[in-house]
């Protein structure tokens, strides 16, 4: 991924983390405009992902996006909402990070 793609990915992840946080807030309040705001943010995040899919391919863009969202949203859940993942969930997140590193690792001269 180019540095421009990484920056775009960071911005898209920010949108997705915000969308999930707003959706979590909606689950506690059921205030309809909150739900609409979350859906608009999810739509914006998905539109941003189209550029990444064009530049780096579907497999890489979605894999990296999914695991980055998993880790960031888990951090928000712990820090903002006071949730505590189990050791098994933490291990799953770690395995996801390892998987993305292996997927995104530069290919070099391999065939």
N, C-alpha and C. Protein backbone atom coordinates (compact mmCIF):
# COMPACT_ATOMS: atom_id res chain seq x y z
N UNK A 1 0.85 -1.18 0.00
CA UNK A 1 0.00 0.00 0.00
C UNK A 1 0.89 1.24 0.00
N UNK A 2 0.48 2.22 -0.77
CA UNK A 2 1.22 3.48 -0.81
C UNK A 2 0.91 4.30 0.44
N UNK A 3 1.72 5.32 0.67
CA UNK A 3 1.48 6.16 1.84
C UNK A 3 0.16 6.91 1.71
N UNK A 4 -0.24 7.27 0.49
CA UNK A 4 -1.53 7.92 0.29
C UNK A 4 -2.67 6.96 0.62
N UNK A 5 -2.51 5.69 0.25
CA UNK A 5 -3.54 4.70 0.57
C UNK A 5 -3.64 4.46 2.07
N UNK A 6 -2.49 4.46 2.73
CA UNK A 6 -2.50 4.27 4.18
C UNK A 6 -3.20 5.44 4.88
N UNK A 7 -2.95 6.66 4.40
CA UNK A 7 -3.63 7.83 4.95
C UNK A 7 -5.13 7.74 4.72
N UNK A 8 -5.52 7.34 3.49
CA UNK A 8 -6.95 7.20 3.17
C UNK A 8 -7.58 6.11 4.03
N UNK A 9 -6.84 5.01 4.25
CA UNK A 9 -7.33 3.94 5.12
C UNK A 9 -7.53 4.45 6.54
N UNK A 10 -6.60 5.24 7.03
CA UNK A 10 -6.72 5.80 8.38
C UNK A 10 -7.97 6.68 8.50
N UNK A 11 -8.23 7.47 7.48
CA UNK A 11 -9.42 8.32 7.52
C UNK A 11 -10.69 7.47 7.46
N UNK A 12 -10.69 6.45 6.61
CA UNK A 12 -11.86 5.57 6.52
C UNK A 12 -12.09 4.84 7.84
N UNK A 13 -11.00 4.40 8.49
CA UNK A 13 -11.14 3.72 9.77
C UNK A 13 -11.70 4.67 10.83
N UNK A 14 -11.28 5.92 10.77
CA UNK A 14 -11.84 6.91 11.69
C UNK A 14 -13.34 7.05 11.52
N UNK A 15 -13.78 7.06 10.27
CA UNK A 15 -15.22 7.15 9.99
C UNK A 15 -15.94 5.91 10.51
N UNK A 16 -15.37 4.73 10.27
CA UNK A 16 -16.01 3.50 10.73
C UNK A 16 -16.05 3.41 12.26
N UNK A 17 -14.98 3.81 12.91
CA UNK A 17 -14.96 3.79 14.37
C UNK A 17 -16.00 4.75 14.93
N UNK A 18 -16.09 5.93 14.33
CA UNK A 18 -17.12 6.89 14.75
C UNK A 18 -18.52 6.32 14.50
N UNK A 19 -18.72 5.70 13.35
CA UNK A 19 -20.03 5.13 13.02
C UNK A 19 -20.42 4.05 14.03
N UNK A 20 -19.48 3.17 14.37
CA UNK A 20 -19.77 2.13 15.35
C UNK A 20 -20.02 2.70 16.74
N UNK A 21 -19.30 3.75 17.09
CA UNK A 21 -19.51 4.38 18.40
C UNK A 21 -20.88 5.03 18.46
N UNK A 22 -21.28 5.69 17.37
CA UNK A 22 -22.62 6.30 17.32
C UNK A 22 -23.69 5.22 17.38
N UNK A 23 -23.47 4.10 16.67
CA UNK A 23 -24.43 3.01 16.70
C UNK A 23 -24.55 2.42 18.10
N UNK A 24 -23.43 2.30 18.80
CA UNK A 24 -23.46 1.81 20.19
C UNK A 24 -24.24 2.78 21.08
N UNK A 25 -24.05 4.07 20.84
CA UNK A 25 -24.81 5.07 21.61
C UNK A 25 -26.31 4.95 21.29
N UNK A 26 -26.63 4.66 20.04
CA UNK A 26 -28.04 4.48 19.67
C UNK A 26 -28.65 3.29 20.41
N UNK A 27 -27.87 2.23 20.57
CA UNK A 27 -28.42 1.04 21.24
C UNK A 27 -28.80 1.34 22.69
N UNK A 28 -28.20 2.36 23.27
CA UNK A 28 -28.54 2.74 24.65
C UNK A 28 -29.68 3.75 24.72
N UNK A 29 -29.90 4.49 23.61
CA UNK A 29 -30.89 5.57 23.68
C UNK A 29 -32.10 5.35 22.79
N UNK A 30 -31.95 4.63 21.69
CA UNK A 30 -32.98 4.43 20.66
C UNK A 30 -33.52 5.73 20.09
N UNK A 31 -32.70 6.78 20.05
CA UNK A 31 -33.06 8.07 19.46
C UNK A 31 -32.82 7.95 17.96
N UNK A 32 -33.88 7.98 17.15
CA UNK A 32 -33.82 7.68 15.72
C UNK A 32 -32.78 8.51 14.95
N UNK A 33 -32.63 9.82 15.18
CA UNK A 33 -31.59 10.55 14.45
C UNK A 33 -30.18 10.02 14.70
N UNK A 34 -29.94 9.41 15.84
CA UNK A 34 -28.64 8.79 16.12
C UNK A 34 -28.41 7.61 15.18
N UNK A 35 -29.44 6.82 14.97
CA UNK A 35 -29.34 5.69 14.04
C UNK A 35 -29.09 6.19 12.62
N UNK A 36 -29.80 7.21 12.21
CA UNK A 36 -29.62 7.77 10.86
C UNK A 36 -28.18 8.30 10.70
N UNK A 37 -27.67 8.96 11.72
CA UNK A 37 -26.29 9.45 11.67
C UNK A 37 -25.29 8.31 11.52
N UNK A 38 -25.50 7.23 12.26
CA UNK A 38 -24.61 6.07 12.16
C UNK A 38 -24.67 5.47 10.76
N UNK A 39 -25.85 5.35 10.20
CA UNK A 39 -25.98 4.79 8.85
C UNK A 39 -25.32 5.67 7.80
N UNK A 40 -25.42 6.98 7.96
CA UNK A 40 -24.74 7.90 7.03
C UNK A 40 -23.23 7.76 7.14
N UNK A 41 -22.73 7.62 8.36
CA UNK A 41 -21.29 7.43 8.55
C UNK A 41 -20.82 6.10 7.95
N UNK A 42 -21.59 5.04 8.12
CA UNK A 42 -21.23 3.76 7.51
C UNK A 42 -21.20 3.88 5.99
N UNK A 43 -22.16 4.59 5.43
CA UNK A 43 -22.19 4.79 3.97
C UNK A 43 -20.95 5.54 3.50
N UNK A 44 -20.58 6.60 4.22
CA UNK A 44 -19.39 7.36 3.87
C UNK A 44 -18.14 6.48 3.95
N UNK A 45 -18.03 5.69 5.00
CA UNK A 45 -16.89 4.79 5.15
C UNK A 45 -16.79 3.80 4.01
N UNK A 46 -17.93 3.25 3.60
CA UNK A 46 -17.92 2.29 2.49
C UNK A 46 -17.56 2.96 1.17
N UNK A 47 -18.01 4.18 0.97
CA UNK A 47 -17.61 4.91 -0.24
C UNK A 47 -16.11 5.17 -0.24
N UNK A 48 -15.56 5.47 0.91
CA UNK A 48 -14.11 5.67 1.01
C UNK A 48 -13.35 4.38 0.71
N UNK A 49 -13.92 3.25 1.08
CA UNK A 49 -13.27 1.97 0.85
C UNK A 49 -13.17 1.63 -0.64
N UNK A 50 -14.07 2.18 -1.46
CA UNK A 50 -14.04 1.89 -2.89
C UNK A 50 -12.69 2.30 -3.48
N UNK A 51 -12.19 3.46 -3.08
CA UNK A 51 -10.88 3.92 -3.58
C UNK A 51 -9.78 2.94 -3.19
N UNK A 52 -9.81 2.49 -1.95
CA UNK A 52 -8.79 1.54 -1.50
C UNK A 52 -8.87 0.22 -2.25
N UNK A 53 -10.08 -0.23 -2.53
CA UNK A 53 -10.23 -1.48 -3.27
C UNK A 53 -9.71 -1.34 -4.70
N UNK A 54 -9.90 -0.18 -5.29
CA UNK A 54 -9.37 0.05 -6.64
C UNK A 54 -7.85 0.05 -6.65
N UNK A 55 -7.25 0.68 -5.63
CA UNK A 55 -5.80 0.85 -5.61
C UNK A 55 -5.05 -0.40 -5.16
N UNK A 56 -5.59 -1.12 -4.18
CA UNK A 56 -4.82 -2.24 -3.62
C UNK A 56 -5.49 -3.60 -3.78
N UNK A 57 -6.67 -3.61 -4.35
CA UNK A 57 -7.38 -4.87 -4.52
C UNK A 57 -8.34 -5.16 -3.38
N UNK A 58 -9.33 -5.94 -3.67
CA UNK A 58 -10.38 -6.25 -2.71
C UNK A 58 -9.84 -6.99 -1.49
N UNK A 59 -9.06 -8.05 -1.72
CA UNK A 59 -8.59 -8.89 -0.61
C UNK A 59 -7.77 -8.10 0.40
N UNK A 60 -6.81 -7.33 -0.10
CA UNK A 60 -5.95 -6.57 0.81
C UNK A 60 -6.73 -5.47 1.52
N UNK A 61 -7.50 -4.69 0.78
CA UNK A 61 -8.22 -3.57 1.38
C UNK A 61 -9.20 -4.03 2.45
N UNK A 62 -9.98 -5.04 2.16
CA UNK A 62 -10.99 -5.49 3.12
C UNK A 62 -10.35 -6.20 4.30
N UNK A 63 -9.30 -6.98 4.05
CA UNK A 63 -8.62 -7.68 5.15
C UNK A 63 -8.02 -6.68 6.13
N UNK A 64 -7.28 -5.72 5.62
CA UNK A 64 -6.66 -4.72 6.49
C UNK A 64 -7.73 -3.91 7.20
N UNK A 65 -8.74 -3.48 6.46
CA UNK A 65 -9.82 -2.69 7.05
C UNK A 65 -10.52 -3.44 8.17
N UNK A 66 -10.84 -4.69 7.94
CA UNK A 66 -11.57 -5.48 8.94
C UNK A 66 -10.79 -5.61 10.24
N UNK A 67 -9.51 -5.92 10.15
CA UNK A 67 -8.73 -6.13 11.36
C UNK A 67 -8.42 -4.81 12.07
N UNK A 68 -8.14 -3.77 11.29
CA UNK A 68 -7.91 -2.46 11.92
C UNK A 68 -9.18 -2.01 12.65
N UNK A 69 -10.34 -2.19 12.00
CA UNK A 69 -11.59 -1.84 12.68
C UNK A 69 -11.79 -2.68 13.93
N UNK A 70 -11.51 -3.97 13.84
CA UNK A 70 -11.65 -4.86 14.99
C UNK A 70 -10.84 -4.35 16.19
N UNK A 71 -9.60 -4.01 15.95
CA UNK A 71 -8.72 -3.56 17.04
C UNK A 71 -9.16 -2.18 17.55
N UNK A 72 -9.41 -1.25 16.64
CA UNK A 72 -9.78 0.11 17.07
C UNK A 72 -11.12 0.13 17.80
N UNK A 73 -12.09 -0.61 17.28
CA UNK A 73 -13.41 -0.62 17.92
C UNK A 73 -13.35 -1.32 19.26
N UNK A 74 -12.49 -2.34 19.37
CA UNK A 74 -12.30 -2.99 20.68
C UNK A 74 -11.69 -2.01 21.68
N UNK A 75 -10.76 -1.19 21.22
CA UNK A 75 -10.19 -0.17 22.10
C UNK A 75 -11.25 0.83 22.55
N UNK A 76 -12.10 1.25 21.63
CA UNK A 76 -13.20 2.16 21.99
C UNK A 76 -14.12 1.49 23.00
N UNK A 77 -14.43 0.22 22.76
CA UNK A 77 -15.32 -0.51 23.68
C UNK A 77 -14.73 -0.57 25.09
N UNK A 78 -13.43 -0.77 25.17
CA UNK A 78 -12.78 -0.86 26.48
C UNK A 78 -12.68 0.52 27.13
N UNK A 79 -12.16 1.49 26.37
CA UNK A 79 -11.87 2.80 26.95
C UNK A 79 -13.11 3.67 27.14
N UNK A 80 -14.06 3.59 26.24
CA UNK A 80 -15.21 4.50 26.29
C UNK A 80 -16.41 3.86 26.96
N UNK A 81 -16.68 2.59 26.62
CA UNK A 81 -17.89 1.95 27.11
C UNK A 81 -17.64 0.98 28.27
N UNK A 82 -16.38 0.81 28.67
CA UNK A 82 -16.07 -0.02 29.82
C UNK A 82 -16.24 -1.51 29.62
N UNK A 83 -16.25 -1.97 28.38
CA UNK A 83 -16.38 -3.40 28.11
C UNK A 83 -15.02 -4.07 28.29
N UNK A 84 -15.03 -5.35 28.59
CA UNK A 84 -13.79 -6.10 28.81
C UNK A 84 -13.79 -7.37 27.96
N UNK A 85 -12.91 -7.43 26.94
CA UNK A 85 -12.84 -8.66 26.14
C UNK A 85 -12.22 -9.80 26.95
N UNK A 86 -12.66 -11.00 26.64
CA UNK A 86 -12.12 -12.19 27.32
C UNK A 86 -10.74 -12.51 26.74
N UNK A 87 -9.97 -13.35 27.44
CA UNK A 87 -8.67 -13.76 26.90
C UNK A 87 -8.79 -14.41 25.52
N UNK A 88 -9.83 -15.17 25.29
CA UNK A 88 -10.03 -15.80 23.98
C UNK A 88 -10.26 -14.73 22.91
N UNK A 89 -11.03 -13.71 23.23
CA UNK A 89 -11.27 -12.62 22.28
C UNK A 89 -9.97 -11.86 21.99
N UNK A 90 -9.17 -11.62 23.01
CA UNK A 90 -7.88 -10.96 22.82
C UNK A 90 -6.96 -11.80 21.92
N UNK A 91 -6.98 -13.11 22.13
CA UNK A 91 -6.17 -14.00 21.30
C UNK A 91 -6.65 -13.96 19.85
N UNK A 92 -7.96 -13.91 19.66
CA UNK A 92 -8.51 -13.80 18.31
C UNK A 92 -8.08 -12.52 17.62
N UNK A 93 -8.07 -11.42 18.37
CA UNK A 93 -7.61 -10.15 17.80
C UNK A 93 -6.14 -10.24 17.41
N UNK A 94 -5.34 -10.87 18.27
CA UNK A 94 -3.91 -11.01 17.97
C UNK A 94 -3.71 -11.86 16.72
N UNK A 95 -4.47 -12.94 16.59
CA UNK A 95 -4.37 -13.77 15.38
C UNK A 95 -4.80 -13.00 14.14
N UNK A 96 -5.81 -12.14 14.28
CA UNK A 96 -6.23 -11.31 13.16
C UNK A 96 -5.13 -10.37 12.71
N UNK A 97 -4.43 -9.78 13.67
CA UNK A 97 -3.31 -8.89 13.34
C UNK A 97 -2.21 -9.66 12.62
N UNK A 98 -1.89 -10.85 13.11
CA UNK A 98 -0.87 -11.68 12.45
C UNK A 98 -1.31 -12.01 11.03
N UNK A 99 -2.57 -12.36 10.85
CA UNK A 99 -3.08 -12.70 9.52
C UNK A 99 -2.93 -11.53 8.56
N UNK A 100 -3.28 -10.33 9.00
CA UNK A 100 -3.18 -9.16 8.12
C UNK A 100 -1.73 -8.84 7.80
N UNK A 101 -0.85 -9.00 8.77
CA UNK A 101 0.57 -8.77 8.50
C UNK A 101 1.04 -9.73 7.41
N UNK A 102 0.63 -10.98 7.49
CA UNK A 102 1.02 -11.95 6.47
C UNK A 102 0.40 -11.64 5.11
N UNK A 103 -0.83 -11.15 5.09
CA UNK A 103 -1.49 -10.79 3.83
C UNK A 103 -0.85 -9.56 3.21
N UNK A 104 -0.54 -8.58 4.04
CA UNK A 104 -0.03 -7.30 3.54
C UNK A 104 1.48 -7.27 3.35
N UNK A 105 2.17 -8.29 3.81
CA UNK A 105 3.64 -8.33 3.71
C UNK A 105 4.05 -8.17 2.25
N UNK A 106 5.05 -7.34 1.98
CA UNK A 106 5.48 -7.17 0.58
C UNK A 106 5.87 -8.50 -0.05
N UNK A 107 5.44 -8.69 -1.28
CA UNK A 107 5.62 -9.98 -1.97
C UNK A 107 7.04 -10.21 -2.44
N UNK A 108 7.75 -9.15 -2.81
CA UNK A 108 9.12 -9.32 -3.30
C UNK A 108 9.17 -10.12 -4.58
N UNK A 109 10.05 -11.10 -4.66
CA UNK A 109 10.24 -11.87 -5.87
C UNK A 109 9.50 -13.19 -5.90
N UNK A 110 8.58 -13.44 -4.95
CA UNK A 110 7.87 -14.70 -4.91
C UNK A 110 6.92 -14.82 -6.09
N UNK A 111 6.69 -16.03 -6.53
CA UNK A 111 5.78 -16.26 -7.66
C UNK A 111 4.47 -16.83 -7.19
